[in-house]
Amino acid sequence: MSDDTSSDAPRPVAAEVIRGSATEEELAAVVVVVSEAYAAEAAAALAPEDAVRSRWELSARGLRRPLDRAAGWNGFAG
Protein backbone atom coordinates (compact mmCIF):
# COMPACT_ATOMS: atom_id res chain seq x y z
CA MET A 1 0.00 0.00 0.00
CA SER A 2 1.31 3.43 -0.79
CA ASP A 3 0.61 6.25 1.61
CA ASP A 4 1.19 9.71 0.15
CA THR A 5 0.95 11.46 3.54
CA SER A 6 4.05 9.71 4.90
CA SER A 7 6.36 10.88 2.11
CA ASP A 8 8.91 13.64 2.64
CA ALA A 9 7.42 15.77 -0.13
CA PRO A 10 7.01 19.42 0.82
CA ARG A 11 3.52 20.46 1.79
CA PRO A 12 1.92 23.59 0.36
CA VAL A 13 2.19 26.65 2.59
CA ALA A 14 -0.61 29.19 3.02
CA ALA A 15 0.18 32.70 4.28
CA GLU A 16 -2.18 35.59 4.80
CA VAL A 17 -0.95 39.17 5.10
CA ILE A 18 -3.18 40.86 7.67
CA ARG A 19 -1.62 44.30 7.67
CA GLY A 20 0.57 46.17 5.22
CA SER A 21 1.75 44.90 1.90
CA ALA A 22 4.52 42.33 1.62
CA THR A 23 6.44 41.64 -1.56
CA GLU A 24 6.80 38.14 -2.94
CA GLU A 25 10.45 38.09 -1.83
CA GLU A 26 9.50 39.01 1.75
CA LEU A 27 6.82 36.32 1.86
CA ALA A 28 9.27 33.77 0.45
CA ALA A 29 11.82 34.72 3.12
CA VAL A 30 9.24 34.33 5.88
CA VAL A 31 8.17 30.94 4.56
CA VAL A 32 11.77 29.71 4.40
CA VAL A 33 12.63 30.92 7.92
CA VAL A 34 9.49 29.48 9.50
CA SER A 35 9.85 26.19 7.61
CA GLU A 36 13.47 25.78 8.73
CA ALA A 37 12.56 26.61 12.34
CA TYR A 38 9.75 24.08 12.24
CA ALA A 39 12.00 21.40 10.73
CA ALA A 40 14.66 22.02 13.39
CA GLU A 41 12.08 21.82 16.17
CA ALA A 42 10.53 18.66 14.75
CA ALA A 43 13.96 17.01 14.47
CA ALA A 44 14.77 17.90 18.09
CA ALA A 45 11.43 16.66 19.42
CA LEU A 46 12.34 13.01 19.77
CA ALA A 47 11.12 10.82 22.58
CA PRO A 48 13.90 9.95 25.02
CA GLU A 49 15.31 6.46 25.02
CA ASP A 50 13.95 4.18 27.70
CA ALA A 51 16.11 4.38 30.78
CA VAL A 52 18.05 1.25 31.63
CA ARG A 53 16.48 -0.42 34.62
CA SER A 54 18.73 -1.50 37.47
CA ARG A 55 18.97 -5.10 38.61
CA TRP A 56 16.96 -4.16 41.69
CA GLU A 57 14.11 -2.82 39.57
CA LEU A 58 14.18 -5.90 37.38
CA SER A 59 14.02 -8.33 40.31
CA ALA A 60 11.63 -6.36 42.54
CA ARG A 61 7.97 -7.21 42.38
CA GLY A 62 4.84 -6.02 44.09
CA LEU A 63 4.34 -7.41 47.58
CA ARG A 64 0.57 -7.15 47.44
CA ARG A 65 -2.11 -6.76 44.87
CA PRO A 66 -3.10 -3.19 44.00
CA LEU A 67 -5.78 -1.53 46.12
CA ASP A 68 -9.30 -1.46 44.77
CA ARG A 69 -10.01 2.25 45.12
CA ALA A 70 -13.51 1.90 43.68
CA ALA A 71 -14.60 -0.25 46.64
CA GLY A 72 -14.60 2.70 49.00
CA TRP A 73 -15.31 2.18 52.74
CA ASN A 74 -18.13 -0.35 52.25
CA GLY A 75 -16.27 -3.16 53.99
CA PHE A 76 -15.46 -1.09 57.09
CA ALA A 77 -18.34 -0.87 59.53
CA GLY A 78 -16.43 0.34 62.59
C-alpha atoms as a PDB file:
ATOM      1  CA  MET A   1       0.000   0.000   0.000  1.00  0.00           C
ATOM      2  CA  SER A   2       1.313   3.431  -0.790  1.00  0.00           C
ATOM      3  CA  ASP A   3       0.609   6.253   1.613  1.00  0.00           C
ATOM      4  CA  ASP A   4       1.190   9.715   0.149  1.00  0.00           C
ATOM      5  CA  THR A   5       0.947  11.456   3.536  1.00  0.00           C
ATOM      6  CA  SER A   6       4.054   9.711   4.898  1.00  0.00           C
ATOM      7  CA  SER A   7       6.362  10.885   2.112  1.00  0.00           C
ATOM      8  CA  ASP A   8       8.908  13.637   2.644  1.00  0.00           C
ATOM      9  CA  ALA A   9       7.422  15.767  -0.125  1.00  0.00           C
ATOM     10  CA  PRO A  10       7.006  19.416   0.821  1.00  0.00           C
ATOM     11  CA  ARG A  11       3.520  20.457   1.789  1.00  0.00           C
ATOM     12  CA  PRO A  12       1.921  23.593   0.359  1.00  0.00           C
ATOM     13  CA  VAL A  13       2.188  26.653   2.594  1.00  0.00           C
ATOM     14  CA  ALA A  14      -0.614  29.189   3.021  1.00  0.00           C
ATOM     15  CA  ALA A  15       0.179  32.696   4.282  1.00  0.00           C
ATOM     16  CA  GLU A  16      -2.178  35.594   4.796  1.00  0.00           C
ATOM     17  CA  VAL A  17      -0.953  39.172   5.097  1.00  0.00           C
ATOM     18  CA  ILE A  18      -3.182  40.864   7.667  1.00  0.00           C
ATOM     19  CA  ARG A  19      -1.623  44.301   7.672  1.00  0.00           C
ATOM     20  CA  GLY A  20       0.572  46.169   5.224  1.00  0.00           C
ATOM     21  CA  SER A  21       1.755  44.896   1.900  1.00  0.00           C
ATOM     22  CA  ALA A  22       4.518  42.334   1.615  1.00  0.00           C
ATOM     23  CA  THR A  23       6.438  41.642  -1.558  1.00  0.00           C
ATOM     24  CA  GLU A  24       6.798  38.137  -2.939  1.00  0.00           C
ATOM     25  CA  GLU A  25      10.449  38.088  -1.826  1.00  0.00           C
ATOM     26  CA  GLU A  26       9.499  39.011   1.751  1.00  0.00           C
ATOM     27  CA  LEU A  27       6.825  36.317   1.859  1.00  0.00           C
ATOM     28  CA  ALA A  28       9.269  33.766   0.453  1.00  0.00           C
ATOM     29  CA  ALA A  29      11.819  34.717   3.120  1.00  0.00           C
ATOM     30  CA  VAL A  30       9.236  34.332   5.877  1.00  0.00           C
ATOM     31  CA  VAL A  31       8.167  30.938   4.564  1.00  0.00           C
ATOM     32  CA  VAL A  32      11.775  29.709   4.404  1.00  0.00           C
ATOM     33  CA  VAL A  33      12.630  30.919   7.925  1.00  0.00           C
ATOM     34  CA  VAL A  34       9.485  29.481   9.497  1.00  0.00           C
ATOM     35  CA  SER A  35       9.855  26.192   7.606  1.00  0.00           C
ATOM     36  CA  GLU A  36      13.471  25.782   8.730  1.00  0.00           C
ATOM     37  CA  ALA A  37      12.563  26.615  12.343  1.00  0.00           C
ATOM     38  CA  TYR A  38       9.749  24.079  12.241  1.00  0.00           C
ATOM     39  CA  ALA A  39      12.002  21.404  10.726  1.00  0.00           C
ATOM     40  CA  ALA A  40      14.662  22.020  13.389  1.00  0.00           C
ATOM     41  CA  GLU A  41      12.079  21.820  16.175  1.00  0.00           C
ATOM     42  CA  ALA A  42      10.532  18.661  14.751  1.00  0.00           C
ATOM     43  CA  ALA A  43      13.960  17.013  14.472  1.00  0.00           C
ATOM     44  CA  ALA A  44      14.773  17.904  18.087  1.00  0.00           C
ATOM     45  CA  ALA A  45      11.428  16.663  19.417  1.00  0.00           C
ATOM     46  CA  LEU A  46      12.338  13.013  19.774  1.00  0.00           C
ATOM     47  CA  ALA A  47      11.116  10.818  22.576  1.00  0.00           C
ATOM     48  CA  PRO A  48      13.904   9.955  25.022  1.00  0.00           C
ATOM     49  CA  GLU A  49      15.306   6.462  25.016  1.00  0.00           C
ATOM     50  CA  ASP A  50      13.948   4.176  27.701  1.00  0.00           C
ATOM     51  CA  ALA A  51      16.108   4.383  30.782  1.00  0.00           C
ATOM     52  CA  VAL A  52      18.053   1.255  31.633  1.00  0.00           C
ATOM     53  CA  ARG A  53      16.480  -0.425  34.620  1.00  0.00           C
ATOM     54  CA  SER A  54      18.728  -1.495  37.470  1.00  0.00           C
ATOM     55  CA  ARG A  55      18.973  -5.095  38.608  1.00  0.00           C
ATOM     56  CA  TRP A  56      16.963  -4.161  41.693  1.00  0.00           C
ATOM     57  CA  GLU A  57      14.113  -2.820  39.571  1.00  0.00           C
ATOM     58  CA  LEU A  58      14.181  -5.905  37.382  1.00  0.00           C
ATOM     59  CA  SER A  59      14.019  -8.330  40.312  1.00  0.00           C
ATOM     60  CA  ALA A  60      11.632  -6.357  42.544  1.00  0.00           C
ATOM     61  CA  ARG A  61       7.970  -7.210  42.379  1.00  0.00           C
ATOM     62  CA  GLY A  62       4.841  -6.015  44.088  1.00  0.00           C
ATOM     63  CA  LEU A  63       4.344  -7.411  47.579  1.00  0.00           C
ATOM     64  CA  ARG A  64       0.572  -7.150  47.445  1.00  0.00           C
ATOM     65  CA  ARG A  65      -2.105  -6.756  44.875  1.00  0.00           C
ATOM     66  CA  PRO A  66      -3.097  -3.185  44.000  1.00  0.00           C
ATOM     67  CA  LEU A  67      -5.784  -1.529  46.125  1.00  0.00           C
ATOM     68  CA  ASP A  68      -9.304  -1.456  44.774  1.00  0.00           C
ATOM     69  CA  ARG A  69     -10.007   2.253  45.119  1.00  0.00           C
ATOM     70  CA  ALA A  70     -13.508   1.898  43.677  1.00  0.00           C
ATOM     71  CA  ALA A  71     -14.601  -0.254  46.636  1.00  0.00           C
ATOM     72  CA  GLY A  72     -14.600   2.698  49.005  1.00  0.00           C
ATOM     73  CA  TRP A  73     -15.313   2.181  52.739  1.00  0.00           C
ATOM     74  CA  ASN A  74     -18.127  -0.354  52.251  1.00  0.00           C
ATOM     75  CA  GLY A  75     -16.269  -3.160  53.987  1.00  0.00           C
ATOM     76  CA  PHE A  76     -15.462  -1.088  57.090  1.00  0.00           C
ATOM     77  CA  ALA A  77     -18.342  -0.871  59.529  1.00  0.00           C
ATOM     78  CA  GLY A  78     -16.428   0.341  62.592  1.00  0.00           C
END
